[in-house]
């Protein structure tokens, strides 16, 4: 899975309309989120830094989720957008590991937490990949 890293409001106008998952690394007024949804109608998930997620209003989060867009907190560690504007996550490995953990009898919360820790991504992203 490729996650598009967006560092500024100006980058939204340049996004491919087919983007499905983005990480927003800048302040998030509601207007920016709606501009993003308008630009990328196939958008399924938005990951934002935890400090910015805490500042998102509940009505904004609810409206995005009603539109079918999951919003969750998370970080992209060590990624340099001057080298590549996408961060790649091995979705297949996460799904396979989740199956192994489920076979061991772990509950869904433990599976998500352990999968996130092992993959080095947010629990929100693992939950999105697993459909939870």
C-alpha atoms as a PDB file:
ATOM      1  CA  UNK A   1       0.000   0.000   0.000  1.00  0.00           C
ATOM      2  CA  UNK A   2       1.310   3.422  -0.908  1.00  0.00           C
ATOM      3  CA  UNK A   3       0.548   6.300   1.426  1.00  0.00           C
ATOM      4  CA  UNK A   4       0.863   9.766  -0.087  1.00  0.00           C
ATOM      5  CA  UNK A   5       2.624  12.175   2.267  1.00  0.00           C
ATOM      6  CA  UNK A   6       1.226  15.714   2.028  1.00  0.00           C
ATOM      7  CA  UNK A   7       3.324  18.422   3.686  1.00  0.00           C
ATOM      8  CA  UNK A   8       1.367  21.555   2.794  1.00  0.00           C
ATOM      9  CA  UNK A   9      -2.018  22.829   1.716  1.00  0.00           C
ATOM     10  CA  UNK A  10      -0.549  23.757  -1.671  1.00  0.00           C
ATOM     11  CA  UNK A  11       0.269  20.104  -2.418  1.00  0.00           C
ATOM     12  CA  UNK A  12      -3.418  19.147  -2.318  1.00  0.00           C
ATOM     13  CA  UNK A  13      -4.052  20.800  -5.687  1.00  0.00           C
ATOM     14  CA  UNK A  14      -1.297  18.610  -7.209  1.00  0.00           C
ATOM     15  CA  UNK A  15      -2.548  15.286  -5.839  1.00  0.00           C
ATOM     16  CA  UNK A  16      -3.570  12.465  -8.122  1.00  0.00           C
ATOM     17  CA  UNK A  17      -7.390  12.244  -7.850  1.00  0.00           C
ATOM     18  CA  UNK A  18      -7.018   8.459  -7.479  1.00  0.00           C
ATOM     19  CA  UNK A  19      -5.198   8.687  -4.120  1.00  0.00           C
ATOM     20  CA  UNK A  20      -6.790   6.400  -1.542  1.00  0.00           C
ATOM     21  CA  UNK A  21      -4.669   6.907   1.595  1.00  0.00           C
ATOM     22  CA  UNK A  22      -2.846  10.084   2.618  1.00  0.00           C
ATOM     23  CA  UNK A  23      -0.811  11.260   5.588  1.00  0.00           C
ATOM     24  CA  UNK A  24      -1.294  14.968   6.304  1.00  0.00           C
ATOM     25  CA  UNK A  25       1.724  16.485   8.040  1.00  0.00           C
ATOM     26  CA  UNK A  26       0.466  20.055   8.493  1.00  0.00           C
ATOM     27  CA  UNK A  27      -2.282  21.886  10.459  1.00  0.00           C
ATOM     28  CA  UNK A  28      -5.743  20.701   9.473  1.00  0.00           C
ATOM     29  CA  UNK A  29      -8.519  23.235   9.253  1.00  0.00           C
ATOM     30  CA  UNK A  30     -11.779  21.562   8.223  1.00  0.00           C
ATOM     31  CA  UNK A  31     -11.703  23.475   4.937  1.00  0.00           C
ATOM     32  CA  UNK A  32      -8.454  21.711   3.987  1.00  0.00           C
ATOM     33  CA  UNK A  33      -9.948  18.298   4.685  1.00  0.00           C
ATOM     34  CA  UNK A  34     -12.953  19.022   2.505  1.00  0.00           C
ATOM     35  CA  UNK A  35     -10.686  20.373  -0.240  1.00  0.00           C
ATOM     36  CA  UNK A  36      -8.761  17.100  -0.046  1.00  0.00           C
ATOM     37  CA  UNK A  37     -11.960  15.053  -0.318  1.00  0.00           C
ATOM     38  CA  UNK A  38     -13.068  17.094  -3.312  1.00  0.00           C
ATOM     39  CA  UNK A  39      -9.703  16.606  -5.033  1.00  0.00           C
ATOM     40  CA  UNK A  40      -9.525  12.877  -4.228  1.00  0.00           C
ATOM     41  CA  UNK A  41     -13.046  11.392  -4.426  1.00  0.00           C
ATOM     42  CA  UNK A  42     -11.728   7.823  -3.943  1.00  0.00           C
ATOM     43  CA  UNK A  43     -10.069   8.709  -0.645  1.00  0.00           C
ATOM     44  CA  UNK A  44     -10.543   5.980   1.977  1.00  0.00           C
ATOM     45  CA  UNK A  45      -8.203   7.001   4.827  1.00  0.00           C
ATOM     46  CA  UNK A  46      -6.411  10.019   6.267  1.00  0.00           C
ATOM     47  CA  UNK A  47      -3.615   9.593   8.785  1.00  0.00           C
ATOM     48  CA  UNK A  48      -2.648  12.658  10.815  1.00  0.00           C
ATOM     49  CA  UNK A  49      -0.033  13.197  13.541  1.00  0.00           C
ATOM     50  CA  UNK A  50      -1.476  12.464  17.006  1.00  0.00           C
ATOM     51  CA  UNK A  51      -1.117  16.085  18.129  1.00  0.00           C
ATOM     52  CA  UNK A  52      -3.133  17.287  15.137  1.00  0.00           C
ATOM     53  CA  UNK A  53      -5.681  14.471  15.466  1.00  0.00           C
ATOM     54  CA  UNK A  54      -6.477  15.608  19.000  1.00  0.00           C
ATOM     55  CA  UNK A  55      -7.353  19.056  17.612  1.00  0.00           C
ATOM     56  CA  UNK A  56      -9.780  17.735  14.971  1.00  0.00           C
ATOM     57  CA  UNK A  57     -13.327  18.449  16.017  1.00  0.00           C
ATOM     58  CA  UNK A  58     -15.609  15.497  16.587  1.00  0.00           C
ATOM     59  CA  UNK A  59     -18.155  16.767  14.007  1.00  0.00           C
ATOM     60  CA  UNK A  60     -15.381  16.969  11.387  1.00  0.00           C
ATOM     61  CA  UNK A  61     -14.261  13.396  12.141  1.00  0.00           C
ATOM     62  CA  UNK A  62     -17.855  12.167  12.027  1.00  0.00           C
ATOM     63  CA  UNK A  63     -18.554  13.901   8.736  1.00  0.00           C
ATOM     64  CA  UNK A  64     -15.454  12.362   7.154  1.00  0.00           C
ATOM     65  CA  UNK A  65     -16.427   8.912   8.400  1.00  0.00           C
ATOM     66  CA  UNK A  66     -19.977   9.354   7.080  1.00  0.00           C
ATOM     67  CA  UNK A  67     -18.346  10.090   3.714  1.00  0.00           C
ATOM     68  CA  UNK A  68     -16.502   6.769   4.006  1.00  0.00           C
ATOM     69  CA  UNK A  69     -13.131   8.268   4.963  1.00  0.00           C
ATOM     70  CA  UNK A  70     -11.465   6.792   8.039  1.00  0.00           C
ATOM     71  CA  UNK A  71      -9.375   9.283  10.044  1.00  0.00           C
ATOM     72  CA  UNK A  72      -6.784   8.044  12.516  1.00  0.00           C
ATOM     73  CA  UNK A  73      -3.657   9.268  14.315  1.00  0.00           C
ATOM     74  CA  UNK A  74      -0.237   8.059  13.265  1.00  0.00           C
ATOM     75  CA  UNK A  75       3.302   9.029  12.369  1.00  0.00           C
ATOM     76  CA  UNK A  76       5.535   8.342   9.411  1.00  0.00           C
ATOM     77  CA  UNK A  77       8.997   7.990  10.942  1.00  0.00           C
ATOM     78  CA  UNK A  78      12.151   8.692   8.985  1.00  0.00           C
ATOM     79  CA  UNK A  79      10.452   9.356   5.661  1.00  0.00           C
ATOM     80  CA  UNK A  80      11.940  12.068   3.449  1.00  0.00           C
ATOM     81  CA  UNK A  81       9.545  13.551   0.920  1.00  0.00           C
ATOM     82  CA  UNK A  82      12.433  15.115  -0.993  1.00  0.00           C
ATOM     83  CA  UNK A  83      13.362  11.548  -2.010  1.00  0.00           C
ATOM     84  CA  UNK A  84       9.886  10.035  -2.432  1.00  0.00           C
ATOM     85  CA  UNK A  85       6.437  11.499  -1.840  1.00  0.00           C
ATOM     86  CA  UNK A  86       5.025   8.057  -0.968  1.00  0.00           C
ATOM     87  CA  UNK A  87       5.549   5.842   2.060  1.00  0.00           C
ATOM     88  CA  UNK A  88       5.094   2.163   1.278  1.00  0.00           C
ATOM     89  CA  UNK A  89       3.628  -0.338   3.731  1.00  0.00           C
ATOM     90  CA  UNK A  90       3.646  -4.101   3.079  1.00  0.00           C
ATOM     91  CA  UNK A  91      -0.064  -4.760   3.384  1.00  0.00           C
ATOM     92  CA  UNK A  92       0.330  -8.469   2.624  1.00  0.00           C
ATOM     93  CA  UNK A  93       2.780  -8.991   5.482  1.00  0.00           C
ATOM     94  CA  UNK A  94       0.429  -7.252   7.920  1.00  0.00           C
ATOM     95  CA  UNK A  95      -2.503  -9.400   6.784  1.00  0.00           C
ATOM     96  CA  UNK A  96      -0.446 -12.587   7.014  1.00  0.00           C
ATOM     97  CA  UNK A  97       0.832 -11.730  10.488  1.00  0.00           C
ATOM     98  CA  UNK A  98      -2.700 -10.877  11.633  1.00  0.00           C
ATOM     99  CA  UNK A  99      -3.831 -14.315  10.487  1.00  0.00           C
ATOM    100  CA  UNK A 100      -1.023 -15.953  12.462  1.00  0.00           C
ATOM    101  CA  UNK A 101      -1.892 -13.961  15.577  1.00  0.00           C
ATOM    102  CA  UNK A 102      -5.575 -14.765  15.215  1.00  0.00           C
ATOM    103  CA  UNK A 103      -4.721 -18.471  14.940  1.00  0.00           C
ATOM    104  CA  UNK A 104      -2.923 -18.127  18.281  1.00  0.00           C
ATOM    105  CA  UNK A 105      -6.160 -16.888  19.808  1.00  0.00           C
ATOM    106  CA  UNK A 106      -5.359 -13.190  20.286  1.00  0.00           C
ATOM    107  CA  UNK A 107      -8.307 -10.778  20.248  1.00  0.00           C
ATOM    108  CA  UNK A 108      -8.616  -8.073  17.607  1.00  0.00           C
ATOM    109  CA  UNK A 109      -7.190  -5.298  19.820  1.00  0.00           C
ATOM    110  CA  UNK A 110      -4.091  -7.336  20.571  1.00  0.00           C
ATOM    111  CA  UNK A 111      -3.697  -8.266  16.903  1.00  0.00           C
ATOM    112  CA  UNK A 112      -3.836  -4.621  15.825  1.00  0.00           C
ATOM    113  CA  UNK A 113      -1.411  -3.501  18.548  1.00  0.00           C
ATOM    114  CA  UNK A 114       1.109  -6.276  17.879  1.00  0.00           C
ATOM    115  CA  UNK A 115       0.832  -5.866  14.096  1.00  0.00           C
ATOM    116  CA  UNK A 116       1.440  -2.124  14.366  1.00  0.00           C
ATOM    117  CA  UNK A 117       4.437  -2.622  16.630  1.00  0.00           C
ATOM    118  CA  UNK A 118       6.009  -5.229  14.350  1.00  0.00           C
ATOM    119  CA  UNK A 119       5.367  -3.295  11.139  1.00  0.00           C
ATOM    120  CA  UNK A 120       6.421   0.060  12.604  1.00  0.00           C
ATOM    121  CA  UNK A 121       3.173   1.798  11.656  1.00  0.00           C
ATOM    122  CA  UNK A 122       0.212   3.211  13.569  1.00  0.00           C
ATOM    123  CA  UNK A 123      -2.515   1.067  15.082  1.00  0.00           C
ATOM    124  CA  UNK A 124      -4.993   3.128  13.049  1.00  0.00           C
ATOM    125  CA  UNK A 125      -3.304   2.113   9.812  1.00  0.00           C
ATOM    126  CA  UNK A 126      -3.222  -1.562  10.797  1.00  0.00           C
ATOM    127  CA  UNK A 127      -6.880  -1.337  11.785  1.00  0.00           C
ATOM    128  CA  UNK A 128      -7.669   0.227   8.405  1.00  0.00           C
ATOM    129  CA  UNK A 129      -5.788  -2.521   6.558  1.00  0.00           C
ATOM    130  CA  UNK A 130      -7.576  -5.204   8.577  1.00  0.00           C
ATOM    131  CA  UNK A 131     -10.950  -3.538   8.058  1.00  0.00           C
ATOM    132  CA  UNK A 132     -11.533  -2.733  11.725  1.00  0.00           C
END
